[in-house]
């Protein structure tokens, strides 16, 4: 599910879809402290599912703890740098192309994770 804007309503929809699809599984969520992650509605949903959902809350602004930041940086450098997409479909196509290219080179994906964990070691 993709949306041009992140907000509590969209995150609530995503969370409901995720939990419905995984009702019989244990779910581990790693969430940053975006305001839309901490709304009363989201916290209520998480409480209702606390028997099979565990949430790890990252500290405020901690990109070194969020491994996805390495991927976002890669996408920005490889597919989105100095390029105006114009619309959501073009942006999704550019990101999709970069991710498909990344799948062909798993060593690059591993280096992204290593670079992030190396930075984490420096800050520890």
Protein backbone atom coordinates (compact mmCIF):
# COMPACT_ATOMS: atom_id res chain seq x y z
CA UNK A 1 0.00 0.00 0.00
CA UNK A 2 1.50 3.37 -0.96
CA UNK A 3 0.25 6.87 -0.35
CA UNK A 4 1.69 10.25 -1.23
CA UNK A 5 1.34 11.40 2.38
CA UNK A 6 2.03 9.64 5.66
CA UNK A 7 -0.47 10.29 8.43
CA UNK A 8 -2.33 8.57 11.25
CA UNK A 9 -5.23 7.49 9.05
CA UNK A 10 -2.94 5.81 6.51
CA UNK A 11 -0.82 4.18 9.20
CA UNK A 12 -3.93 2.90 10.97
CA UNK A 13 -5.12 1.35 7.69
CA UNK A 14 -1.70 -0.24 7.15
CA UNK A 15 -1.54 -1.53 10.72
CA UNK A 16 -5.05 -3.02 10.52
CA UNK A 17 -4.20 -4.72 7.22
CA UNK A 18 -0.91 -6.05 8.62
CA UNK A 19 -2.52 -7.42 11.78
CA UNK A 20 -5.44 -8.99 9.90
CA UNK A 21 -3.07 -10.75 7.52
CA UNK A 22 -0.98 -12.02 10.46
CA UNK A 23 -3.67 -12.74 13.05
CA UNK A 24 -2.24 -16.18 13.82
CA UNK A 25 1.40 -15.10 13.98
CA UNK A 26 3.57 -13.26 16.44
CA UNK A 27 4.36 -9.81 15.05
CA UNK A 28 7.39 -7.74 16.01
CA UNK A 29 7.05 -4.09 15.02
CA UNK A 30 9.95 -1.67 15.10
CA UNK A 31 8.55 1.84 15.10
CA UNK A 32 10.14 5.22 15.30
CA UNK A 33 8.44 8.01 17.16
CA UNK A 34 6.64 9.60 14.23
CA UNK A 35 3.59 11.40 15.57
CA UNK A 36 1.24 9.20 13.53
CA UNK A 37 2.69 6.08 15.22
CA UNK A 38 1.62 7.37 18.64
CA UNK A 39 -1.99 8.44 18.13
CA UNK A 40 -4.65 7.18 20.53
CA UNK A 41 -6.18 5.05 17.75
CA UNK A 42 -2.87 3.35 16.93
CA UNK A 43 -2.08 2.76 20.59
CA UNK A 44 -5.57 1.28 21.08
CA UNK A 45 -5.05 -1.11 18.15
CA UNK A 46 -1.67 -2.17 19.54
CA UNK A 47 -3.19 -2.73 22.98
CA UNK A 48 -6.01 -4.85 21.49
CA UNK A 49 -3.37 -7.07 19.84
CA UNK A 50 -0.78 -7.11 22.62
CA UNK A 51 -1.13 -10.90 22.93
CA UNK A 52 0.64 -11.35 19.58
CA UNK A 53 2.25 -7.97 18.82
CA UNK A 54 5.42 -6.68 20.41
CA UNK A 55 6.53 -3.13 19.63
CA UNK A 56 10.09 -1.90 19.85
CA UNK A 57 10.03 1.89 20.04
CA UNK A 58 13.16 3.53 18.68
CA UNK A 59 14.41 6.66 20.40
CA UNK A 60 13.48 9.97 18.81
CA UNK A 61 15.60 10.73 15.74
CA UNK A 62 17.86 7.70 15.71
CA UNK A 63 18.60 6.88 12.06
CA UNK A 64 21.62 4.80 13.11
CA UNK A 65 19.22 2.35 14.79
CA UNK A 66 16.83 2.17 11.85
CA UNK A 67 18.36 -0.09 9.19
CA UNK A 68 15.85 1.11 6.60
CA UNK A 69 17.68 4.45 6.61
CA UNK A 70 20.55 2.78 4.72
CA UNK A 71 18.11 1.68 2.03
CA UNK A 72 16.50 5.13 1.80
CA UNK A 73 19.94 6.67 1.40
CA UNK A 74 20.79 4.18 -1.34
CA UNK A 75 17.53 4.91 -3.18
CA UNK A 76 18.11 8.64 -2.95
CA UNK A 77 21.66 8.32 -4.29
CA UNK A 78 20.95 5.74 -6.98
CA UNK A 79 17.48 6.43 -8.34
CA UNK A 80 16.12 9.69 -7.04
CA UNK A 81 19.09 12.05 -6.81
CA UNK A 82 18.66 15.18 -8.93
CA UNK A 83 15.57 13.78 -10.60
CA UNK A 84 12.06 15.21 -10.50
CA UNK A 85 9.52 12.41 -10.80
CA UNK A 86 6.49 14.63 -11.35
CA UNK A 87 3.94 12.21 -9.96
CA UNK A 88 3.60 9.28 -7.59
CA UNK A 89 3.61 6.66 -10.38
CA UNK A 90 6.96 7.90 -11.71
CA UNK A 91 8.44 7.97 -8.21
CA UNK A 92 7.24 4.41 -7.55
CA UNK A 93 8.63 3.24 -10.90
CA UNK A 94 12.05 4.79 -10.17
CA UNK A 95 12.16 3.24 -6.69
CA UNK A 96 10.98 -0.12 -8.05
CA UNK A 97 13.71 -0.10 -10.69
CA UNK A 98 16.39 0.67 -8.10
CA UNK A 99 15.10 -2.08 -5.79
CA UNK A 100 15.07 -4.60 -8.64
CA UNK A 101 18.65 -3.63 -9.45
CA UNK A 102 19.55 -4.07 -5.80
CA UNK A 103 18.06 -7.60 -5.85
CA UNK A 104 20.52 -8.48 -8.61
CA UNK A 105 23.43 -7.41 -6.37
CA UNK A 106 22.89 -8.79 -2.86
CA UNK A 107 26.42 -7.74 -1.88
CA UNK A 108 25.26 -4.13 -2.15
CA UNK A 109 22.32 -4.80 0.16
CA UNK A 110 24.65 -6.42 2.67
CA UNK A 111 27.02 -3.47 2.52
CA UNK A 112 24.12 -1.10 3.23
CA UNK A 113 23.29 -3.03 6.40
CA UNK A 114 26.97 -3.25 7.35
CA UNK A 115 27.47 0.47 6.86
CA UNK A 116 24.54 1.20 9.17
CA UNK A 117 25.64 -1.30 11.84
CA UNK A 118 29.22 0.06 11.63
CA UNK A 119 27.86 3.54 12.32
CA UNK A 120 25.87 2.10 15.23
CA UNK A 121 29.06 0.63 16.72
CA UNK A 122 30.69 4.07 16.54
CA UNK A 123 27.85 5.64 18.52
CA UNK A 124 27.67 2.92 21.17
